[in-house]
Amino acid sequence: MDLDGIEVFVKVVEAGSFSQAAKLLGMPNSTVSAKVSALEKRLGVMLLQRTTRKLRATPAGETYFQQCVQALQRLQAAENELTSAQSEPHGLLRVTAPADIGHTLLATLVRSFLQQYPKTEIELVVTNRVLDLIAEGVDLAIRAGELADSRLIAKRFSVGNVGLWASPAYLKKRGMPSHPRDLAPQECLQFSLFKNNRLELTNGKDSARVVTAGRLRADDFEALKAFALVGEGIVYLPSFMCAEEVKQHRLQRVLPDWHGAAAIFSLVYPAQRFVSPKVRAFITVAENFWQRQKF
């Protein structure tokens, strides 16, 4: 089907002449005439009667013209509907995130998105396993660390820094350290995926490196926080993970003037020509959400 030729034919009939149609279409007269002739040749029927004084549709051309107008209107309506639907976030958004990000904060972020975009749905896959987004049909991931897959795009954002935390009961029993070197005799909860137990801390002016020790270790930040909450030691965690417990006076900042590196997360999604409105919307909501948080 020669849709371009059909549109030119309709414009010629509506304008009543090749020259006027050419002017409206921004084409040379010869191009307009050639397109109509090619359409007639393909259909095997004369659509227009051409005279030196007048141009009009043949009976077959008039019938074809009416049908073409209706078809083009339906196509335009379908395109308008699709464009409108695509401009508004809608449908299912599959998001994966590590368990370490904190279930309460994650739930608050998801709720904020769903409230702003009522035509969307979210399927949340919480796992510390790095999923293949393309193979597993995941729209977007929240991840920590460096991006290794060149098929993906990452938008990085900071969610506060990493600090030391302990329960009031632990600090009452073992005492509050006043300098990073005071951590050495303390019971420090260990993240087993770290290569060593060395912490690098700064207070903005000075820096300190200290090797910590402790009898409890785990490969999950939430588990380490749970140990800290029951008084088993000092834990090294991103500030956003402990914000609620600090408000509830269940955890207390240790060495509040000292902290580790900034906690960086990335919103990761497959590289493609067109990013869906629901993915763009989630990125915007997430950025605004993290900027509002006070850690």
C-alpha atoms as a PDB file:
ATOM      1  CA  MET A   1       0.000   0.000   0.000  1.00  0.00           C
ATOM      2  CA  ASP A   2       1.314   3.430  -1.012  1.00  0.00           C
ATOM      3  CA  LEU A   3       0.136   5.529   1.932  1.00  0.00           C
ATOM      4  CA  ASP A   4       2.124   8.545   0.764  1.00  0.00           C
ATOM      5  CA  GLY A   5       0.478   8.374  -2.669  1.00  0.00           C
ATOM      6  CA  ILE A   6      -2.963   8.050  -1.078  1.00  0.00           C
ATOM      7  CA  GLU A   7      -2.401  11.161   1.044  1.00  0.00           C
ATOM      8  CA  VAL A   8      -1.297  13.106  -2.042  1.00  0.00           C
ATOM      9  CA  PHE A   9      -4.337  11.912  -4.030  1.00  0.00           C
ATOM     10  CA  VAL A  10      -6.716  12.990  -1.239  1.00  0.00           C
ATOM     11  CA  LYS A  11      -5.063  16.403  -1.036  1.00  0.00           C
ATOM     12  CA  VAL A  12      -5.370  16.864  -4.826  1.00  0.00           C
ATOM     13  CA  VAL A  13      -9.098  16.095  -4.763  1.00  0.00           C
ATOM     14  CA  GLU A  14      -9.631  18.398  -1.778  1.00  0.00           C
ATOM     15  CA  ALA A  15      -7.600  21.230  -3.353  1.00  0.00           C
ATOM     16  CA  GLY A  16      -9.099  20.797  -6.825  1.00  0.00           C
ATOM     17  CA  SER A  17      -5.775  21.089  -8.632  1.00  0.00           C
ATOM     18  CA  PHE A  18      -2.271  19.680  -8.718  1.00  0.00           C
ATOM     19  CA  SER A  19      -0.686  23.093  -8.264  1.00  0.00           C
ATOM     20  CA  GLN A  20      -2.713  23.983  -5.191  1.00  0.00           C
ATOM     21  CA  ALA A  21      -2.118  20.540  -3.670  1.00  0.00           C
ATOM     22  CA  ALA A  22       1.607  20.884  -4.377  1.00  0.00           C
ATOM     23  CA  LYS A  23       1.634  24.240  -2.595  1.00  0.00           C
ATOM     24  CA  LEU A  24      -0.187  22.811   0.439  1.00  0.00           C
ATOM     25  CA  LEU A  25       2.103  19.774   0.573  1.00  0.00           C
ATOM     26  CA  GLY A  26       5.292  21.711  -0.072  1.00  0.00           C
ATOM     27  CA  MET A  27       6.132  19.545  -3.102  1.00  0.00           C
ATOM     28  CA  PRO A  28       6.908  20.303  -6.749  1.00  0.00           C
ATOM     29  CA  ASN A  29       3.949  19.955  -9.146  1.00  0.00           C
ATOM     30  CA  SER A  30       5.786  17.193 -10.979  1.00  0.00           C
ATOM     31  CA  THR A  31       6.157  15.135  -7.790  1.00  0.00           C
ATOM     32  CA  VAL A  32       2.448  15.420  -6.965  1.00  0.00           C
ATOM     33  CA  SER A  33       1.465  14.426 -10.491  1.00  0.00           C
ATOM     34  CA  ALA A  34       3.906  11.513 -10.519  1.00  0.00           C
ATOM     35  CA  LYS A  35       2.595  10.142  -7.210  1.00  0.00           C
ATOM     36  CA  VAL A  36      -1.021  10.202  -8.402  1.00  0.00           C
ATOM     37  CA  SER A  37      -0.043   8.562 -11.698  1.00  0.00           C
ATOM     38  CA  ALA A  38       1.856   5.837  -9.841  1.00  0.00           C
ATOM     39  CA  LEU A  39      -1.195   5.228  -7.626  1.00  0.00           C
ATOM     40  CA  GLU A  40      -3.460   4.923 -10.666  1.00  0.00           C
ATOM     41  CA  LYS A  41      -1.021   2.532 -12.324  1.00  0.00           C
ATOM     42  CA  ARG A  42      -0.838   0.347  -9.215  1.00  0.00           C
ATOM     43  CA  LEU A  43      -4.640   0.240  -8.875  1.00  0.00           C
ATOM     44  CA  GLY A  44      -5.203  -0.182 -12.612  1.00  0.00           C
ATOM     45  CA  VAL A  45      -7.919   2.489 -12.715  1.00  0.00           C
ATOM     46  CA  MET A  46      -8.142   6.183 -13.588  1.00  0.00           C
ATOM     47  CA  LEU A  47      -8.870   8.214 -10.467  1.00  0.00           C
ATOM     48  CA  LEU A  48      -8.822  11.742 -11.887  1.00  0.00           C
ATOM     49  CA  GLN A  49     -10.097  13.332 -15.058  1.00  0.00           C
ATOM     50  CA  ARG A  50      -7.571  15.878 -16.229  1.00  0.00           C
ATOM     51  CA  THR A  51      -8.511  18.694 -18.609  1.00  0.00           C
ATOM     52  CA  THR A  52      -6.879  22.009 -19.369  1.00  0.00           C
ATOM     53  CA  ARG A  53      -9.591  23.827 -17.434  1.00  0.00           C
ATOM     54  CA  LYS A  54     -10.666  21.460 -14.660  1.00  0.00           C
ATOM     55  CA  LEU A  55      -9.640  18.466 -12.572  1.00  0.00           C
ATOM     56  CA  ARG A  56     -12.150  16.194 -10.907  1.00  0.00           C
ATOM     57  CA  ALA A  57     -12.412  12.667  -9.608  1.00  0.00           C
ATOM     58  CA  THR A  58     -13.822   9.915 -11.789  1.00  0.00           C
ATOM     59  CA  PRO A  59     -16.727   7.893 -10.337  1.00  0.00           C
ATOM     60  CA  ALA A  60     -14.221   5.251  -9.233  1.00  0.00           C
ATOM     61  CA  GLY A  61     -11.927   7.990  -7.953  1.00  0.00           C
ATOM     62  CA  GLU A  62     -14.733   9.591  -5.941  1.00  0.00           C
ATOM     63  CA  THR A  63     -15.568   6.278  -4.264  1.00  0.00           C
ATOM     64  CA  TYR A  64     -11.887   5.647  -3.568  1.00  0.00           C
ATOM     65  CA  PHE A  65     -11.483   9.216  -2.259  1.00  0.00           C
ATOM     66  CA  GLN A  66     -14.302   8.814   0.294  1.00  0.00           C
ATOM     67  CA  GLN A  67     -12.887   5.517   1.527  1.00  0.00           C
ATOM     68  CA  CYS A  68      -9.376   6.961   1.723  1.00  0.00           C
ATOM     69  CA  VAL A  69     -10.552   9.960   3.754  1.00  0.00           C
ATOM     70  CA  GLN A  70     -12.245   7.661   6.273  1.00  0.00           C
ATOM     71  CA  ALA A  71      -9.207   5.387   6.443  1.00  0.00           C
ATOM     72  CA  LEU A  72      -6.815   8.307   6.972  1.00  0.00           C
ATOM     73  CA  GLN A  73      -9.054   9.714   9.700  1.00  0.00           C
ATOM     74  CA  ARG A  74      -9.044   6.360  11.482  1.00  0.00           C
ATOM     75  CA  LEU A  75      -5.262   6.138  11.178  1.00  0.00           C
ATOM     76  CA  GLN A  76      -4.875   9.649  12.568  1.00  0.00           C
ATOM     77  CA  ALA A  77      -7.215   8.842  15.460  1.00  0.00           C
ATOM     78  CA  ALA A  78      -5.255   5.667  16.221  1.00  0.00           C
ATOM     79  CA  GLU A  79      -1.977   7.599  16.152  1.00  0.00           C
ATOM     80  CA  ASN A  80      -3.381  10.317  18.421  1.00  0.00           C
ATOM     81  CA  GLU A  81      -4.648   7.715  20.877  1.00  0.00           C
ATOM     82  CA  LEU A  82      -1.324   5.880  20.909  1.00  0.00           C
ATOM     83  CA  THR A  83       0.663   9.090  21.325  1.00  0.00           C
ATOM     84  CA  SER A  84      -1.568  10.181  24.179  1.00  0.00           C
ATOM     85  CA  ALA A  85      -1.273   6.791  25.886  1.00  0.00           C
ATOM     86  CA  GLN A  86       2.508   6.710  25.491  1.00  0.00           C
ATOM     87  CA  SER A  87       2.953  10.197  26.925  1.00  0.00           C
ATOM     88  CA  GLU A  88       1.270   9.215  30.215  1.00  0.00           C
ATOM     89  CA  PRO A  89       2.943   6.617  32.456  1.00  0.00           C
ATOM     90  CA  HIS A  90       0.811   3.500  32.535  1.00  0.00           C
ATOM     91  CA  GLY A  91       1.024  -0.278  32.788  1.00  0.00           C
ATOM     92  CA  LEU A  92       3.242  -2.652  34.757  1.00  0.00           C
ATOM     93  CA  LEU A  93       6.714  -1.514  35.844  1.00  0.00           C
ATOM     94  CA  ARG A  94       9.053  -4.301  36.990  1.00  0.00           C
ATOM     95  CA  VAL A  95      11.667  -3.011  39.422  1.00  0.00           C
ATOM     96  CA  THR A  96      14.427  -4.934  41.171  1.00  0.00           C
ATOM     97  CA  ALA A  97      16.269  -3.682  44.240  1.00  0.00           C
ATOM     98  CA  PRO A  98      18.680  -5.135  46.799  1.00  0.00           C
ATOM     99  CA  ALA A  99      17.305  -6.097  50.184  1.00  0.00           C
ATOM    100  CA  ASP A 100      19.956  -3.867  51.744  1.00  0.00           C
ATOM    101  CA  ILE A 101      18.251  -0.697  50.550  1.00  0.00           C
ATOM    102  CA  GLY A 102      15.779  -0.984  53.390  1.00  0.00           C
ATOM    103  CA  HIS A 103      12.222  -2.210  53.050  1.00  0.00           C
ATOM    104  CA  THR A 104      10.609   0.789  54.745  1.00  0.00           C
ATOM    105  CA  LEU A 105      12.262   3.348  52.483  1.00  0.00           C
ATOM    106  CA  LEU A 106      11.639   1.219  49.412  1.00  0.00           C
ATOM    107  CA  ALA A 107       7.954   0.880  50.273  1.00  0.00           C
ATOM    108  CA  THR A 108       7.670   4.641  50.776  1.00  0.00           C
ATOM    109  CA  LEU A 109       9.275   5.301  47.390  1.00  0.00           C
ATOM    110  CA  VAL A 110       6.980   2.840  45.605  1.00  0.00           C
ATOM    111  CA  ARG A 111       3.910   4.267  47.325  1.00  0.00           C
ATOM    112  CA  SER A 112       4.896   7.784  46.254  1.00  0.00           C
ATOM    113  CA  PHE A 113       5.197   6.653  42.630  1.00  0.00           C
ATOM    114  CA  LEU A 114       1.862   4.819  42.606  1.00  0.00           C
ATOM    115  CA  GLN A 115       0.087   7.795  44.157  1.00  0.00           C
ATOM    116  CA  GLN A 116       1.421  10.135  41.477  1.00  0.00           C
ATOM    117  CA  TYR A 117       0.698   7.762  38.583  1.00  0.00           C
ATOM    118  CA  PRO A 118      -2.572   5.888  39.251  1.00  0.00           C
ATOM    119  CA  LYS A 119      -2.521   4.100  35.876  1.00  0.00           C
ATOM    120  CA  THR A 120       0.686   2.236  36.751  1.00  0.00           C
ATOM    121  CA  GLU A 121       1.384  -0.998  38.600  1.00  0.00           C
ATOM    122  CA  ILE A 122       4.656  -2.163  40.154  1.00  0.00           C
ATOM    123  CA  GLU A 123       6.118  -5.620  40.542  1.00  0.00           C
ATOM    124  CA  LEU A 124       9.024  -5.381  42.975  1.00  0.00           C
ATOM    125  CA  VAL A 125      11.752  -8.033  42.906  1.00  0.00           C
ATOM    126  CA  VAL A 126      13.820  -7.705  46.099  1.00  0.00           C
ATOM    127  CA  THR A 127      17.055  -9.657  45.797  1.00  0.00           C
ATOM    128  CA  ASN A 128      20.770  -9.148  46.316  1.00  0.00           C
ATOM    129  CA  ARG A 129      21.350 -11.184  43.150  1.00  0.00           C
ATOM    130  CA  VAL A 130      22.252  -9.045  40.120  1.00  0.00           C
ATOM    131  CA  LEU A 131      19.540  -9.826  37.582  1.00  0.00           C
ATOM    132  CA  ASP A 132      19.972  -9.644  33.820  1.00  0.00           C
ATOM    133  CA  LEU A 133      17.403  -6.920  33.188  1.00  0.00           C
ATOM    134  CA  ILE A 134      17.002  -7.650  29.486  1.00  0.00           C
ATOM    135  CA  ALA A 135      16.796 -11.448  29.780  1.00  0.00           C
ATOM    136  CA  GLU A 136      14.400 -11.321  32.737  1.00  0.00           C
ATOM    137  CA  GLY A 137      12.187  -8.517  31.443  1.00  0.00           C
ATOM    138  CA  VAL A 138      12.956  -6.049  34.236  1.00  0.00           C
ATOM    139  CA  ASP A 139      12.356  -2.382  33.431  1.00  0.00           C
ATOM    140  CA  LEU A 140      14.597  -0.805  36.040  1.00  0.00           C
ATOM    141  CA  ALA A 141      16.988  -1.711  38.853  1.00  0.00           C
ATOM    142  CA  ILE A 142      18.196   0.091  41.956  1.00  0.00           C
ATOM    143  CA  ARG A 143      21.825  -0.927  42.446  1.00  0.00           C
ATOM    144  CA  ALA A 144      24.937  -0.047  44.378  1.00  0.00           C
ATOM    145  CA  GLY A 145      28.445  -0.121  42.959  1.00  0.00           C
ATOM    146  CA  GLU A 146      29.837   0.292  39.470  1.00  0.00           C
ATOM    147  CA  LEU A 147      27.947  -0.517  36.278  1.00  0.00           C
ATOM    148  CA  ALA A 148      29.560  -3.395  34.370  1.00  0.00           C
ATOM    149  CA  ASP A 149      27.003  -4.048  31.599  1.00  0.00           C
ATOM    150  CA  SER A 150      27.397  -1.724  28.579  1.00  0.00           C
ATOM    151  CA  ARG A 151      23.826  -2.536  27.498  1.00  0.00           C
ATOM    152  CA  LEU A 152      22.548  -0.586  30.484  1.00  0.00           C
ATOM    153  CA  ILE A 153      22.283   3.086  31.406  1.00  0.00           C
ATOM    154  CA  ALA A 154      22.848   4.214  34.996  1.00  0.00           C
ATOM    155  CA  LYS A 155      21.714   7.405  36.687  1.00  0.00           C
ATOM    156  CA  ARG A 156      23.680   7.797  39.909  1.00  0.00           C
ATOM    157  CA  PHE A 157      22.545   9.586  43.055  1.00  0.00           C
ATOM    158  CA  SER A 158      23.854   9.973  46.599  1.00  0.00           C
ATOM    159  CA  VAL A 159      21.782   8.818  49.562  1.00  0.00           C
ATOM    160  CA  GLY A 160      23.912  10.161  52.394  1.00  0.00           C
ATOM    161  CA  ASN A 161      27.140   8.764  53.797  1.00  0.00           C
ATOM    162  CA  VAL A 162      28.146   5.636  55.668  1.00  0.00           C
ATOM    163  CA  GLY A 163      28.473   5.839  59.431  1.00  0.00           C
ATOM    164  CA  LEU A 164      28.772   3.832  62.634  1.00  0.00           C
ATOM    165  CA  TRP A 165      25.734   2.899  64.726  1.00  0.00           C
ATOM    166  CA  ALA A 166      24.988   1.059  67.950  1.00  0.00           C
ATOM    167  CA  SER A 167      22.126   0.570  70.375  1.00  0.00           C
ATOM    168  CA  PRO A 168      21.972   2.716  73.537  1.00  0.00           C
ATOM    169  CA  ALA A 169      22.227  -0.497  75.581  1.00  0.00           C
ATOM    170  CA  TYR A 170      25.492  -1.497  73.886  1.00  0.00           C
ATOM    171  CA  LEU A 171      27.011   1.959  74.347  1.00  0.00           C
ATOM    172  CA  LYS A 172      25.972   2.042  77.996  1.00  0.00           C
ATOM    173  CA  LYS A 173      27.718  -1.287  78.519  1.00  0.00           C
ATOM    174  CA  ARG A 174      30.859  -0.743  76.397  1.00  0.00           C
ATOM    175  CA  GLY A 175      31.175   3.051  76.327  1.00  0.00           C
ATOM    176  CA  MET A 176      31.069   5.589  73.498  1.00  0.00           C
ATOM    177  CA  PRO A 177      34.271   5.782  71.397  1.00  0.00           C
ATOM    178  CA  SER A 178      35.692   9.291  71.037  1.00  0.00           C
ATOM    179  CA  HIS A 179      38.108   8.584  68.162  1.00  0.00           C
ATOM    180  CA  PRO A 180      38.297   5.951  65.403  1.00  0.00           C
ATOM    181  CA  ARG A 181      41.237   4.294  67.169  1.00  0.00           C
ATOM    182  CA  ASP A 182      38.851   3.512  70.050  1.00  0.00           C
ATOM    183  CA  LEU A 183      37.008   1.081  67.756  1.00  0.00           C
ATOM    184  CA  ALA A 184      39.781  -1.521  67.971  1.00  0.00           C
ATOM    185  CA  PRO A 185      38.649  -3.076  71.285  1.00  0.00           C
ATOM    186  CA  GLN A 186      34.946  -2.743  70.450  1.00  0.00           C
ATOM    187  CA  GLU A 187      32.677  -5.515  69.165  1.00  0.00           C
ATOM    188  CA  CYS A 188      32.168  -4.473  65.531  1.00  0.00           C
ATOM    189  CA  LEU A 189      29.691  -6.335  63.351  1.00  0.00           C
ATOM    190  CA  GLN A 190      31.377  -7.508  60.154  1.00  0.00           C
ATOM    191  CA  PHE A 191      30.023  -7.535  56.602  1.00  0.00           C
ATOM    192  CA  SER A 192      31.399 -10.804  55.252  1.00  0.00           C
ATOM    193  CA  LEU A 193      31.550  -9.652  51.610  1.00  0.00           C
ATOM    194  CA  PHE A 194      34.099  -6.940  52.424  1.00  0.00           C
ATOM    195  CA  LYS A 195      37.649  -8.022  51.607  1.00  0.00           C
ATOM    196  CA  ASN A 196      38.947  -6.927  55.001  1.00  0.00           C
ATOM    197  CA  ASN A 197      37.789  -5.373  58.257  1.00  0.00           C
ATOM    198  CA  ARG A 198      39.505  -2.041  57.668  1.00  0.00           C
ATOM    199  CA  LEU A 199      37.425   1.134  57.819  1.00  0.00           C
ATOM    200  CA  GLU A 200      38.456   4.434  56.250  1.00  0.00           C
ATOM    201  CA  LEU A 201      36.848   7.394  58.023  1.00  0.00           C
ATOM    202  CA  THR A 202      37.069  11.176  57.754  1.00  0.00           C
ATOM    203  CA  ASN A 203      35.799  14.155  59.706  1.00  0.00           C
ATOM    204  CA  GLY A 204      36.359  16.602  56.874  1.00  0.00           C
ATOM    205  CA  LYS A 205      39.816  17.594  58.095  1.00  0.00           C
ATOM    206  CA  ASP A 206      41.539  14.413  59.192  1.00  0.00           C
ATOM    207  CA  SER A 207      41.266  10.828  58.020  1.00  0.00           C
ATOM    208  CA  ALA A 208      41.759   7.590  59.893  1.00  0.00           C
ATOM    209  CA  ARG A 209      42.143   3.933  59.014  1.00  0.00           C
ATOM    210  CA  VAL A 210      41.218   1.382  61.607  1.00  0.00           C
ATOM    211  CA  VAL A 211      41.001  -2.406  61.584  1.00  0.00           C
ATOM    212  CA  THR A 212      37.932  -3.625  63.436  1.00  0.00           C
ATOM    213  CA  ALA A 213      37.144  -7.006  64.940  1.00  0.00           C
ATOM    214  CA  GLY A 214      34.023  -8.826  66.034  1.00  0.00           C
ATOM    215  CA  ARG A 215      32.555 -12.268  66.539  1.00  0.00           C
ATOM    216  CA  LEU A 216      29.464 -11.730  64.367  1.00  0.00           C
ATOM    217  CA  ARG A 217      29.488 -11.423  60.601  1.00  0.00           C
ATOM    218  CA  ALA A 218      26.829 -11.642  57.875  1.00  0.00           C
ATOM    219  CA  ASP A 219      26.450 -11.065  54.144  1.00  0.00           C
ATOM    220  CA  ASP A 220      23.304  -8.961  54.606  1.00  0.00           C
ATOM    221  CA  PHE A 221      23.129  -5.392  55.936  1.00  0.00           C
ATOM    222  CA  GLU A 222      19.637  -5.848  57.363  1.00  0.00           C
ATOM    223  CA  ALA A 223      20.863  -8.814  59.404  1.00  0.00           C
ATOM    224  CA  LEU A 224      23.772  -6.761  60.732  1.00  0.00           C
ATOM    225  CA  LYS A 225      21.401  -3.952  61.680  1.00  0.00           C
ATOM    226  CA  ALA A 226      19.209  -6.460  63.519  1.00  0.00           C
ATOM    227  CA  PHE A 227      22.252  -7.597  65.518  1.00  0.00           C
ATOM    228  CA  ALA A 228      23.053  -3.970  66.361  1.00  0.00           C
ATOM    229  CA  LEU A 229      19.481  -3.348  67.504  1.00  0.00           C
ATOM    230  CA  VAL A 230      19.703  -6.137  70.073  1.00  0.00           C
ATOM    231  CA  GLY A 231      22.988  -4.775  71.412  1.00  0.00           C
ATOM    232  CA  GLU A 232      25.491  -7.141  69.820  1.00  0.00           C
ATOM    233  CA  GLY A 233      27.890  -4.507  68.538  1.00  0.00           C
ATOM    234  CA  ILE A 234      28.669  -1.476  66.392  1.00  0.00           C
ATOM    235  CA  VAL A 235      27.572  -1.637  62.768  1.00  0.00           C
ATOM    236  CA  TYR A 236      28.911   0.263  59.737  1.00  0.00           C
ATOM    237  CA  LEU A 237      25.947   1.169  57.523  1.00  0.00           C
ATOM    238  CA  PRO A 238      24.630   3.851  55.153  1.00  0.00           C
ATOM    239  CA  SER A 239      22.810   6.542  57.113  1.00  0.00           C
ATOM    240  CA  PHE A 240      19.528   6.034  55.256  1.00  0.00           C
ATOM    241  CA  MET A 241      19.319   2.465  56.564  1.00  0.00           C
ATOM    242  CA  CYS A 242      19.335   3.641  60.179  1.00  0.00           C
ATOM    243  CA  ALA A 243      17.275   6.842  59.926  1.00  0.00           C
ATOM    244  CA  GLU A 244      14.054   5.356  61.322  1.00  0.00           C
ATOM    245  CA  GLU A 245      15.797   3.553  64.177  1.00  0.00           C
ATOM    246  CA  VAL A 246      17.596   6.770  65.143  1.00  0.00           C
ATOM    247  CA  LYS A 247      14.261   8.630  65.269  1.00  0.00           C
ATOM    248  CA  GLN A 248      12.916   5.866  67.493  1.00  0.00           C
ATOM    249  CA  HIS A 249      16.041   6.069  69.734  1.00  0.00           C
ATOM    250  CA  ARG A 250      16.770   2.411  69.023  1.00  0.00           C
ATOM    251  CA  LEU A 251      20.121   3.223  67.419  1.00  0.00           C
ATOM    252  CA  GLN A 252      22.598   5.982  68.126  1.00  0.00           C
ATOM    253  CA  ARG A 253      25.306   7.459  65.913  1.00  0.00           C
ATOM    254  CA  VAL A 254      28.803   6.462  66.999  1.00  0.00           C
ATOM    255  CA  LEU A 255      31.558   9.006  66.293  1.00  0.00           C
ATOM    256  CA  PRO A 256      29.018  11.393  64.716  1.00  0.00           C
ATOM    257  CA  ASP A 257      31.743  13.681  63.351  1.00  0.00           C
ATOM    258  CA  TRP A 258      33.311  10.808  61.430  1.00  0.00           C
ATOM    259  CA  HIS A 259      31.920   9.030  58.398  1.00  0.00           C
ATOM    260  CA  GLY A 260      32.896   6.847  55.488  1.00  0.00           C
ATOM    261  CA  ALA A 261      32.384   7.418  51.780  1.00  0.00           C
ATOM    262  CA  ALA A 262      29.113   8.641  50.313  1.00  0.00           C
ATOM    263  CA  ALA A 263      26.514   5.934  49.774  1.00  0.00           C
ATOM    264  CA  ILE A 264      25.886   5.883  46.027  1.00  0.00           C
ATOM    265  CA  PHE A 265      23.045   4.080  44.312  1.00  0.00           C
ATOM    266  CA  SER A 266      22.177   3.968  40.640  1.00  0.00           C
ATOM    267  CA  LEU A 267      18.895   3.679  38.787  1.00  0.00           C
ATOM    268  CA  VAL A 268      19.762   1.266  35.994  1.00  0.00           C
ATOM    269  CA  TYR A 269      17.722   0.516  32.881  1.00  0.00           C
ATOM    270  CA  PRO A 270      18.337  -1.054  29.448  1.00  0.00           C
ATOM    271  CA  ALA A 271      19.817   1.227  26.796  1.00  0.00           C
ATOM    272  CA  GLN A 272      17.260   1.716  24.052  1.00  0.00           C
ATOM    273  CA  ARG A 273      16.163   4.395  21.630  1.00  0.00           C
ATOM    274  CA  PHE A 274      12.909   5.166  23.408  1.00  0.00           C
ATOM    275  CA  VAL A 275      12.693   5.126  27.201  1.00  0.00           C
ATOM    276  CA  SER A 276       9.117   4.493  28.290  1.00  0.00           C
ATOM    277  CA  PRO A 277       7.261   7.232  30.199  1.00  0.00           C
ATOM    278  CA  LYS A 278       6.830   4.925  33.219  1.00  0.00           C
ATOM    279  CA  VAL A 279      10.614   4.432  33.515  1.00  0.00           C
ATOM    280  CA  ARG A 280      11.294   8.163  33.105  1.00  0.00           C
ATOM    281  CA  ALA A 281       8.614   8.927  35.695  1.00  0.00           C
ATOM    282  CA  PHE A 282      10.036   6.458  38.241  1.00  0.00           C
ATOM    283  CA  ILE A 283      13.517   7.965  37.848  1.00  0.00           C
ATOM    284  CA  THR A 284      12.142  11.457  38.493  1.00  0.00           C
ATOM    285  CA  VAL A 285      10.126  10.319  41.520  1.00  0.00           C
ATOM    286  CA  ALA A 286      13.140   8.451  42.948  1.00  0.00           C
ATOM    287  CA  GLU A 287      15.473  11.432  42.534  1.00  0.00           C
ATOM    288  CA  ASN A 288      13.000  13.778  44.208  1.00  0.00           C
ATOM    289  CA  PHE A 289      12.347  11.227  46.944  1.00  0.00           C
ATOM    290  CA  TRP A 290      16.015  10.824  47.874  1.00  0.00           C
ATOM    291  CA  GLN A 291      16.606  14.581  47.780  1.00  0.00           C
ATOM    292  CA  ARG A 292      13.846  15.073  50.364  1.00  0.00           C
ATOM    293  CA  GLN A 293      15.274  12.528  52.781  1.00  0.00           C
ATOM    294  CA  LYS A 294      17.172  13.842  55.798  1.00  0.00           C
ATOM    295  CA  PHE A 295      19.791  11.372  56.957  1.00  0.00           C
END
